[in-house]
Amino acid sequence: MEIEVGGRRIHVGTSGECGPAVVLVHASGMAGRQFRALIEQLARDHRVFAPDLVGYGRNEVWQEDPLRSGSDRGGFDPREDEDIVCAVAAVAGPEVSLVGHSYGGWLALRAAARVHPRALVLFEPVAFGVLHTPPDPALADLAALDAAGDFFSPTLIGTAPWCERFVDWWGGVGTWARMGPVMQGMFVQRAVKTFHEVYAVSSDRTPLAAYPRGPRALLLHGSETRRAAARVATLLAEHLGGRLEVFAGAGHMAPLTHADEFATRVAAFLRAA
């Protein structure tokens, strides 16, 4: 189906005809279809909504607005994506659950204060602001993303070299090369939007205390992920009073590389919520 949010037509994948509702929020550079295995499991007894965020999936490629861009990198406001999550949750109805991965996890976490979900599942939400107050040692790992001091330079926005540095920071040197030219091309096509997402989460200073406790929460991270990502998941689990689970042998992209296991864990948690 399609809904209109902030003047944009947004594609929302739907599956399942009965049961509680769940909204799945995808990672940067991905689309709602990244959750195929989870959708297949949940659709048996849930109504599943998997929106494509601005610029991804079946939506139009996001274009920089020269009137809004500049030295402040203000070309995209992540609240536009957060509004999509909230709008889809409203369509889904009361007692909805939110599931998010990476950037989508950060959005789901932010949207939870507005949606008041019955359950919240976050795989490595990039809520890096929680590392700043008080300063956490894991900030050194986050700083490695911009070790050369030019990662957020306007000259690199959306370029293949920027994409390589971003992907290799998460997956290790050589991850970008192993993606191959087709996947690389698809990533680069939408990388200007991804750049602004990464800038937003890197600039975020939202402290733990700003995230309200409430819904039953499951936080997950891979055992082989970045130190900063694992630390964020750990801090949020403690603050929210949620459960923390670790994927042995997996990294940041476990919802795709370990899709079946991810689907099984998340489905079990939501069914028990």
Foldseek 3Di string as FASTA:
>chain_A
DWDDAPNFTKDKDKAADAAAEEEEFEAPLAFQCLQVLLRVVPNVHYIYITIGFPQDDPGPHDDFDVVQADPVRRRDDCVSRLRVRQVVLVVSPPQYEYEYAACRLQSNLVNCVVRVHQEYEYELHLQLLQCVVPPHPLVVLVVVLCVVVCLLPPVCQLDLVSVQSVQCSWVNHPRLVVVDDVSSVSSSSRRNVVSSSVVVSSPHNDHLVVRDAHHAYEYEFEPPGRPSSVVVSVVNCVSNVYHYDYHYPDTSSCCNVVVNVVSVVVSVVVVVD
